[in-house]
Amino acid sequence: MKSRLALAKMEDLPAMKSLFEASIRQTCNQDYSPEEIEAWLLSLKNKQRWEELIQNQIVWLALVEADLAGFCSLKDGHYLDFLYVLPDHQGLGIAKQLVAAAIDETRKLGNTKISSDISITARPFMEAQGWKVIRMNENPRADQTLINYRMELEL
């Protein structure tokens, strides 16, 4: 399924936050406990973080017809910060399209490497795209420790 990419605006935040929550709850539940998921979702309450996402990063929306199907963001020209796709749109090439946009922008900015901190759930997808694990991270959130992986792709 081909989606159309558009740049996010502040008014897109409610839909982005809803998609973020649905993706984590419905996709990551095989790799993270209910308590870990709730700790992860506490970030939804960080209004400043979400506003700064739009203000300070390049954020692409993947739209299928007029509906938001996924989004990703590029921070500092070389760091893939967010990558989320609605559960019922996964496996359709949307994440690949979003990551490709971030990679293209990273190259345009003259960078030779892109990095990200990737969930347990997304790690196989990223490895299939050629990304390499650099290290495992332990992220304290609330009373939980969330595991993810620093991954990089040489461009």
N, C-alpha and C. Protein backbone atom coordinates (compact mmCIF):
# COMPACT_ATOMS: atom_id res chain seq x y z
N MET A 1 0.85 -1.17 0.00
CA MET A 1 0.00 0.00 0.00
C MET A 1 0.89 1.23 0.00
N LYS A 2 0.71 2.06 -0.97
CA LYS A 2 1.52 3.27 -1.07
C LYS A 2 0.83 4.38 -0.29
N SER A 3 1.61 5.01 0.53
CA SER A 3 1.08 6.15 1.25
C SER A 3 1.73 7.42 0.70
N ARG A 4 1.11 8.52 0.99
CA ARG A 4 1.63 9.82 0.59
C ARG A 4 2.27 10.44 1.82
N LEU A 5 3.47 11.00 1.66
CA LEU A 5 4.14 11.63 2.79
C LEU A 5 3.85 13.12 2.80
N ALA A 6 3.67 13.63 4.01
CA ALA A 6 3.47 15.07 4.22
C ALA A 6 4.23 15.46 5.48
N LEU A 7 4.59 16.72 5.58
CA LEU A 7 5.26 17.19 6.79
C LEU A 7 4.22 17.51 7.86
N ALA A 8 4.54 17.14 9.09
CA ALA A 8 3.61 17.34 10.20
C ALA A 8 3.56 18.80 10.64
N LYS A 9 2.39 19.17 11.14
CA LYS A 9 2.18 20.49 11.72
C LYS A 9 1.64 20.30 13.15
N MET A 10 1.64 21.34 13.92
CA MET A 10 1.19 21.26 15.31
C MET A 10 -0.21 20.66 15.43
N GLU A 11 -1.07 20.97 14.48
CA GLU A 11 -2.44 20.44 14.55
C GLU A 11 -2.52 18.93 14.30
N ASP A 12 -1.43 18.33 13.86
CA ASP A 12 -1.39 16.88 13.65
C ASP A 12 -1.09 16.11 14.94
N LEU A 13 -0.67 16.81 15.99
CA LEU A 13 -0.26 16.14 17.22
C LEU A 13 -1.31 15.21 17.83
N PRO A 14 -2.58 15.59 17.93
CA PRO A 14 -3.54 14.65 18.53
C PRO A 14 -3.60 13.31 17.78
N ALA A 15 -3.62 13.34 16.47
CA ALA A 15 -3.66 12.10 15.69
C ALA A 15 -2.36 11.32 15.84
N MET A 16 -1.24 12.03 15.89
CA MET A 16 0.06 11.37 16.08
C MET A 16 0.13 10.67 17.43
N LYS A 17 -0.35 11.34 18.46
CA LYS A 17 -0.31 10.76 19.81
C LYS A 17 -1.23 9.54 19.90
N SER A 18 -2.36 9.60 19.25
CA SER A 18 -3.28 8.46 19.22
C SER A 18 -2.64 7.27 18.51
N LEU A 19 -2.00 7.53 17.39
CA LEU A 19 -1.31 6.48 16.64
C LEU A 19 -0.16 5.90 17.47
N PHE A 20 0.61 6.75 18.12
CA PHE A 20 1.71 6.33 18.99
C PHE A 20 1.20 5.34 20.04
N GLU A 21 0.11 5.70 20.70
CA GLU A 21 -0.45 4.83 21.74
C GLU A 21 -0.94 3.51 21.16
N ALA A 22 -1.67 3.56 20.06
CA ALA A 22 -2.19 2.33 19.44
C ALA A 22 -1.06 1.41 19.01
N SER A 23 -0.03 1.99 18.42
CA SER A 23 1.10 1.19 17.95
C SER A 23 1.79 0.48 19.11
N ILE A 24 2.04 1.21 20.18
CA ILE A 24 2.72 0.61 21.33
C ILE A 24 1.84 -0.46 21.99
N ARG A 25 0.58 -0.12 22.23
CA ARG A 25 -0.32 -1.07 22.92
C ARG A 25 -0.54 -2.35 22.11
N GLN A 26 -0.71 -2.22 20.81
CA GLN A 26 -1.12 -3.37 20.00
C GLN A 26 0.03 -4.10 19.33
N THR A 27 1.18 -3.45 19.20
CA THR A 27 2.29 -4.08 18.49
C THR A 27 3.39 -4.54 19.44
N CYS A 28 3.65 -3.77 20.46
CA CYS A 28 4.79 -4.06 21.34
C CYS A 28 4.43 -4.99 22.50
N ASN A 29 3.17 -5.40 22.57
CA ASN A 29 2.74 -6.22 23.71
C ASN A 29 3.30 -7.64 23.70
N GLN A 30 3.94 -8.05 22.62
CA GLN A 30 4.61 -9.36 22.60
C GLN A 30 6.01 -9.28 23.20
N ASP A 31 6.57 -8.07 23.26
CA ASP A 31 7.95 -7.88 23.70
C ASP A 31 8.10 -7.11 25.00
N TYR A 32 7.06 -6.42 25.41
CA TYR A 32 7.09 -5.61 26.62
C TYR A 32 5.89 -5.97 27.49
N SER A 33 6.10 -5.96 28.80
CA SER A 33 5.02 -6.29 29.74
C SER A 33 3.99 -5.16 29.79
N PRO A 34 2.78 -5.44 30.30
CA PRO A 34 1.79 -4.37 30.45
C PRO A 34 2.33 -3.20 31.28
N GLU A 35 3.12 -3.49 32.30
CA GLU A 35 3.69 -2.43 33.14
C GLU A 35 4.71 -1.60 32.36
N GLU A 36 5.50 -2.26 31.54
CA GLU A 36 6.47 -1.54 30.72
C GLU A 36 5.77 -0.65 29.69
N ILE A 37 4.71 -1.17 29.10
CA ILE A 37 3.94 -0.38 28.12
C ILE A 37 3.34 0.85 28.78
N GLU A 38 2.77 0.69 29.96
CA GLU A 38 2.20 1.85 30.66
C GLU A 38 3.28 2.88 30.98
N ALA A 39 4.46 2.42 31.38
CA ALA A 39 5.56 3.34 31.67
C ALA A 39 5.98 4.08 30.39
N TRP A 40 6.05 3.36 29.27
CA TRP A 40 6.40 3.95 27.98
C TRP A 40 5.39 5.03 27.60
N LEU A 41 4.12 4.74 27.82
CA LEU A 41 3.06 5.65 27.41
C LEU A 41 2.96 6.90 28.28
N LEU A 42 3.67 6.93 29.41
CA LEU A 42 3.69 8.15 30.22
C LEU A 42 4.22 9.33 29.41
N SER A 43 5.01 9.05 28.39
CA SER A 43 5.56 10.14 27.56
C SER A 43 4.46 10.91 26.82
N LEU A 44 3.27 10.32 26.71
CA LEU A 44 2.16 11.04 26.09
C LEU A 44 1.80 12.29 26.87
N LYS A 45 2.08 12.30 28.16
CA LYS A 45 1.72 13.43 29.02
C LYS A 45 2.74 14.56 28.96
N ASN A 46 3.87 14.32 28.29
CA ASN A 46 4.93 15.33 28.21
C ASN A 46 4.64 16.27 27.04
N LYS A 47 3.80 17.26 27.30
CA LYS A 47 3.36 18.19 26.25
C LYS A 47 4.54 18.88 25.57
N GLN A 48 5.53 19.29 26.37
CA GLN A 48 6.69 19.98 25.81
C GLN A 48 7.45 19.10 24.83
N ARG A 49 7.62 17.83 25.17
CA ARG A 49 8.34 16.88 24.29
C ARG A 49 7.64 16.79 22.94
N TRP A 50 6.31 16.69 22.96
CA TRP A 50 5.56 16.55 21.72
C TRP A 50 5.58 17.84 20.90
N GLU A 51 5.45 18.98 21.56
CA GLU A 51 5.51 20.25 20.82
C GLU A 51 6.90 20.46 20.22
N GLU A 52 7.94 20.13 20.98
CA GLU A 52 9.30 20.28 20.47
C GLU A 52 9.58 19.31 19.32
N LEU A 53 8.89 18.19 19.32
CA LEU A 53 9.01 17.26 18.19
C LEU A 53 8.67 17.98 16.89
N ILE A 54 7.55 18.67 16.87
CA ILE A 54 7.11 19.39 15.67
C ILE A 54 8.00 20.61 15.40
N GLN A 55 8.38 21.33 16.44
CA GLN A 55 9.15 22.56 16.28
C GLN A 55 10.59 22.33 15.87
N ASN A 56 11.21 21.26 16.37
CA ASN A 56 12.65 21.09 16.23
C ASN A 56 13.10 19.93 15.36
N GLN A 57 12.17 19.12 14.90
CA GLN A 57 12.54 17.97 14.08
C GLN A 57 11.79 18.02 12.76
N ILE A 58 12.28 17.24 11.82
CA ILE A 58 11.52 17.03 10.58
C ILE A 58 10.64 15.81 10.84
N VAL A 59 9.34 15.99 10.70
CA VAL A 59 8.39 14.91 10.98
C VAL A 59 7.57 14.64 9.72
N TRP A 60 7.66 13.40 9.24
CA TRP A 60 6.89 12.98 8.08
C TRP A 60 5.68 12.19 8.54
N LEU A 61 4.55 12.48 7.93
CA LEU A 61 3.33 11.72 8.14
C LEU A 61 3.12 10.84 6.92
N ALA A 62 2.74 9.60 7.15
CA ALA A 62 2.34 8.71 6.06
C ALA A 62 0.82 8.70 6.04
N LEU A 63 0.26 9.18 4.94
CA LEU A 63 -1.19 9.28 4.81
C LEU A 63 -1.68 8.27 3.78
N VAL A 64 -2.68 7.51 4.16
CA VAL A 64 -3.36 6.61 3.25
C VAL A 64 -4.73 7.24 3.04
N GLU A 65 -4.93 7.72 1.80
CA GLU A 65 -6.04 8.62 1.50
C GLU A 65 -5.84 9.82 2.42
N ALA A 66 -6.77 10.14 3.29
CA ALA A 66 -6.56 11.30 4.17
C ALA A 66 -6.22 10.88 5.60
N ASP A 67 -6.08 9.57 5.82
CA ASP A 67 -5.90 9.06 7.18
C ASP A 67 -4.43 8.85 7.53
N LEU A 68 -4.08 9.21 8.76
CA LEU A 68 -2.73 9.01 9.24
C LEU A 68 -2.49 7.52 9.49
N ALA A 69 -1.46 6.98 8.83
CA ALA A 69 -1.13 5.56 8.96
C ALA A 69 0.19 5.35 9.68
N GLY A 70 1.03 6.39 9.73
CA GLY A 70 2.32 6.28 10.41
C GLY A 70 3.03 7.62 10.41
N PHE A 71 4.10 7.69 11.19
CA PHE A 71 4.93 8.89 11.18
C PHE A 71 6.33 8.54 11.66
N CYS A 72 7.27 9.38 11.25
CA CYS A 72 8.64 9.27 11.75
C CYS A 72 9.22 10.67 11.84
N SER A 73 10.33 10.76 12.59
CA SER A 73 10.97 12.07 12.72
C SER A 73 12.48 11.93 12.65
N LEU A 74 13.10 13.00 12.19
CA LEU A 74 14.55 13.08 12.09
C LEU A 74 15.02 14.24 12.97
N LYS A 75 15.87 13.92 13.93
CA LYS A 75 16.40 14.90 14.87
C LYS A 75 17.87 15.16 14.54
N ASP A 76 18.25 16.42 14.55
CA ASP A 76 19.64 16.83 14.35
C ASP A 76 20.23 16.33 13.03
N GLY A 77 19.39 16.01 12.07
CA GLY A 77 19.87 15.64 10.74
C GLY A 77 20.45 14.25 10.61
N HIS A 78 20.43 13.46 11.70
CA HIS A 78 21.04 12.13 11.61
C HIS A 78 20.49 11.13 12.64
N TYR A 79 19.43 11.49 13.37
CA TYR A 79 18.90 10.60 14.40
C TYR A 79 17.41 10.37 14.15
N LEU A 80 17.05 9.12 13.88
CA LEU A 80 15.64 8.74 13.70
C LEU A 80 15.04 8.63 15.09
N ASP A 81 14.21 9.60 15.46
CA ASP A 81 13.70 9.69 16.83
C ASP A 81 12.40 8.90 17.00
N PHE A 82 11.42 9.14 16.17
CA PHE A 82 10.13 8.44 16.24
C PHE A 82 9.94 7.64 14.96
N LEU A 83 9.36 6.45 15.09
CA LEU A 83 8.92 5.65 13.94
C LEU A 83 7.78 4.77 14.43
N TYR A 84 6.57 5.12 14.04
CA TYR A 84 5.38 4.39 14.47
C TYR A 84 4.42 4.25 13.30
N VAL A 85 3.81 3.07 13.20
CA VAL A 85 2.82 2.78 12.15
C VAL A 85 1.62 2.13 12.83
N LEU A 86 0.43 2.51 12.39
CA LEU A 86 -0.78 1.88 12.94
C LEU A 86 -0.70 0.37 12.77
N PRO A 87 -1.14 -0.38 13.77
CA PRO A 87 -1.06 -1.84 13.68
C PRO A 87 -1.68 -2.43 12.42
N ASP A 88 -2.84 -1.93 12.00
CA ASP A 88 -3.50 -2.52 10.83
C ASP A 88 -2.88 -2.06 9.51
N HIS A 89 -1.84 -1.23 9.57
CA HIS A 89 -1.13 -0.81 8.37
C HIS A 89 0.31 -1.33 8.35
N GLN A 90 0.67 -2.15 9.32
CA GLN A 90 2.03 -2.68 9.36
C GLN A 90 2.19 -3.79 8.34
N GLY A 91 3.39 -3.92 7.83
CA GLY A 91 3.68 -4.93 6.82
C GLY A 91 3.31 -4.51 5.41
N LEU A 92 2.95 -3.25 5.23
CA LEU A 92 2.51 -2.75 3.92
C LEU A 92 3.52 -1.82 3.27
N GLY A 93 4.69 -1.69 3.86
CA GLY A 93 5.73 -0.84 3.29
C GLY A 93 5.75 0.59 3.79
N ILE A 94 4.87 0.92 4.71
CA ILE A 94 4.79 2.31 5.20
C ILE A 94 6.03 2.67 6.01
N ALA A 95 6.45 1.80 6.91
CA ALA A 95 7.66 2.08 7.70
C ALA A 95 8.88 2.22 6.78
N LYS A 96 8.98 1.37 5.77
CA LYS A 96 10.10 1.47 4.82
C LYS A 96 10.09 2.83 4.14
N GLN A 97 8.91 3.28 3.73
CA GLN A 97 8.78 4.57 3.05
C GLN A 97 9.19 5.72 3.99
N LEU A 98 8.76 5.64 5.25
CA LEU A 98 9.11 6.68 6.21
C LEU A 98 10.62 6.70 6.49
N VAL A 99 11.19 5.53 6.72
CA VAL A 99 12.64 5.46 6.99
C VAL A 99 13.42 5.95 5.78
N ALA A 100 12.96 5.62 4.58
CA ALA A 100 13.64 6.08 3.36
C ALA A 100 13.66 7.61 3.29
N ALA A 101 12.57 8.25 3.69
CA ALA A 101 12.53 9.72 3.70
C ALA A 101 13.56 10.28 4.67
N ALA A 102 13.68 9.66 5.84
CA ALA A 102 14.66 10.12 6.83
C ALA A 102 16.09 9.90 6.33
N ILE A 103 16.32 8.76 5.70
CA ILE A 103 17.65 8.47 5.15
C ILE A 103 18.00 9.46 4.04
N ASP A 104 17.06 9.73 3.15
CA ASP A 104 17.30 10.69 2.06
C ASP A 104 17.67 12.06 2.62
N GLU A 105 16.94 12.50 3.64
CA GLU A 105 17.22 13.81 4.24
C GLU A 105 18.58 13.81 4.92
N THR A 106 18.92 12.73 5.60
CA THR A 106 20.22 12.61 6.25
C THR A 106 21.34 12.75 5.23
N ARG A 107 21.19 12.07 4.10
CA ARG A 107 22.19 12.17 3.02
C ARG A 107 22.28 13.59 2.48
N LYS A 108 21.11 14.21 2.23
CA LYS A 108 21.09 15.58 1.70
C LYS A 108 21.84 16.55 2.60
N LEU A 109 21.80 16.27 3.90
CA LEU A 109 22.47 17.13 4.88
C LEU A 109 23.96 16.82 5.00
N GLY A 110 24.43 15.85 4.21
CA GLY A 110 25.85 15.53 4.18
C GLY A 110 26.31 14.54 5.23
N ASN A 111 25.38 13.92 5.92
CA ASN A 111 25.75 12.94 6.94
C ASN A 111 25.94 11.56 6.32
N THR A 112 26.84 10.79 6.88
CA THR A 112 27.16 9.47 6.32
C THR A 112 26.64 8.32 7.18
N LYS A 113 25.92 8.67 8.24
CA LYS A 113 25.40 7.64 9.14
C LYS A 113 24.11 8.16 9.76
N ILE A 114 23.15 7.26 9.97
CA ILE A 114 21.93 7.58 10.68
C ILE A 114 21.83 6.60 11.84
N SER A 115 21.34 7.08 12.98
CA SER A 115 21.22 6.21 14.15
C SER A 115 19.84 6.35 14.77
N SER A 116 19.51 5.41 15.65
CA SER A 116 18.23 5.43 16.34
C SER A 116 18.30 4.50 17.54
N ASP A 117 17.40 4.70 18.48
CA ASP A 117 17.21 3.77 19.58
C ASP A 117 15.91 3.02 19.30
N ILE A 118 16.04 1.73 19.03
CA ILE A 118 14.98 0.92 18.44
C ILE A 118 14.43 -0.07 19.46
N SER A 119 13.12 -0.19 19.49
CA SER A 119 12.47 -1.13 20.41
C SER A 119 12.84 -2.58 20.07
N ILE A 120 12.61 -3.44 21.04
CA ILE A 120 12.78 -4.88 20.81
C ILE A 120 11.92 -5.29 19.61
N THR A 121 10.70 -4.76 19.57
CA THR A 121 9.73 -5.11 18.53
C THR A 121 10.21 -4.72 17.14
N ALA A 122 10.78 -3.53 17.01
CA ALA A 122 11.19 -3.01 15.69
C ALA A 122 12.57 -3.48 15.26
N ARG A 123 13.33 -4.06 16.17
CA ARG A 123 14.71 -4.46 15.83
C ARG A 123 14.79 -5.37 14.60
N PRO A 124 13.98 -6.44 14.49
CA PRO A 124 14.09 -7.30 13.30
C PRO A 124 13.81 -6.54 11.99
N PHE A 125 12.84 -5.63 12.02
CA PHE A 125 12.54 -4.83 10.83
C PHE A 125 13.76 -3.99 10.44
N MET A 126 14.36 -3.33 11.42
CA MET A 126 15.50 -2.46 11.13
C MET A 126 16.71 -3.28 10.66
N GLU A 127 16.93 -4.44 11.27
CA GLU A 127 18.04 -5.29 10.84
C GLU A 127 17.83 -5.74 9.39
N ALA A 128 16.59 -6.02 9.03
CA ALA A 128 16.29 -6.43 7.65
C ALA A 128 16.57 -5.30 6.65
N GLN A 129 16.59 -4.05 7.14
CA GLN A 129 16.90 -2.90 6.29
C GLN A 129 18.39 -2.57 6.30
N GLY A 130 19.19 -3.39 6.99
CA GLY A 130 20.64 -3.19 7.00
C GLY A 130 21.19 -2.48 8.22
N TRP A 131 20.34 -2.10 9.16
CA TRP A 131 20.80 -1.43 10.37
C TRP A 131 21.53 -2.43 11.26
N LYS A 132 22.53 -1.95 12.00
CA LYS A 132 23.35 -2.78 12.89
C LYS A 132 23.17 -2.34 14.34
N VAL A 133 23.10 -3.32 15.23
CA VAL A 133 23.03 -3.03 16.66
C VAL A 133 24.40 -2.58 17.15
N ILE A 134 24.43 -1.46 17.85
CA ILE A 134 25.65 -0.94 18.45
C ILE A 134 25.72 -1.34 19.93
N ARG A 135 24.58 -1.23 20.62
CA ARG A 135 24.53 -1.61 22.03
C ARG A 135 23.07 -1.75 22.48
N MET A 136 22.89 -2.43 23.59
CA MET A 136 21.59 -2.50 24.25
C MET A 136 21.51 -1.36 25.26
N ASN A 137 20.34 -0.72 25.33
CA ASN A 137 20.10 0.36 26.30
C ASN A 137 19.10 -0.10 27.34
N GLU A 138 19.28 0.34 28.56
CA GLU A 138 18.31 0.15 29.63
C GLU A 138 17.81 1.53 30.02
N ASN A 139 16.51 1.78 29.78
CA ASN A 139 15.92 3.10 29.99
C ASN A 139 14.96 3.06 31.17
N PRO A 140 15.31 3.69 32.29
CA PRO A 140 14.38 3.73 33.42
C PRO A 140 13.20 4.64 33.10
N ARG A 141 12.00 4.11 33.27
CA ARG A 141 10.76 4.89 33.10
C ARG A 141 9.82 4.49 34.22
N ALA A 142 9.38 5.46 34.98
CA ALA A 142 8.55 5.19 36.16
C ALA A 142 9.28 4.15 37.00
N ASP A 143 8.64 3.03 37.29
CA ASP A 143 9.31 1.99 38.08
C ASP A 143 9.73 0.81 37.20
N GLN A 144 9.87 1.05 35.91
CA GLN A 144 10.22 0.01 34.95
C GLN A 144 11.56 0.34 34.28
N THR A 145 12.16 -0.67 33.68
CA THR A 145 13.35 -0.47 32.85
C THR A 145 13.02 -1.00 31.46
N LEU A 146 12.96 -0.10 30.49
CA LEU A 146 12.64 -0.47 29.12
C LEU A 146 13.93 -0.74 28.35
N ILE A 147 13.95 -1.86 27.65
CA ILE A 147 15.10 -2.23 26.84
C ILE A 147 14.87 -1.76 25.40
N ASN A 148 15.89 -1.14 24.83
CA ASN A 148 15.91 -0.89 23.39
C ASN A 148 17.35 -0.98 22.92
N TYR A 149 17.56 -0.75 21.64
CA TYR A 149 18.88 -0.94 21.04
C TYR A 149 19.30 0.29 20.26
N ARG A 150 20.52 0.74 20.51
CA ARG A 150 21.10 1.77 19.64
C ARG A 150 21.51 1.06 18.36
N MET A 151 20.96 1.54 17.26
CA MET A 151 21.26 0.96 15.96
C MET A 151 21.74 2.06 15.02
N GLU A 152 22.55 1.66 14.05
CA GLU A 152 23.08 2.60 13.07
C GLU A 152 23.04 1.99 11.68
N LEU A 153 22.97 2.89 10.71
CA LEU A 153 23.06 2.50 9.32
C LEU A 153 24.08 3.41 8.65
N GLU A 154 25.10 2.80 8.06
CA GLU A 154 26.08 3.57 7.29
C GLU A 154 25.45 3.89 5.94
N LEU A 155 25.58 5.14 5.51
CA LEU A 155 24.95 5.57 4.25
C LEU A 155 25.98 5.63 3.13
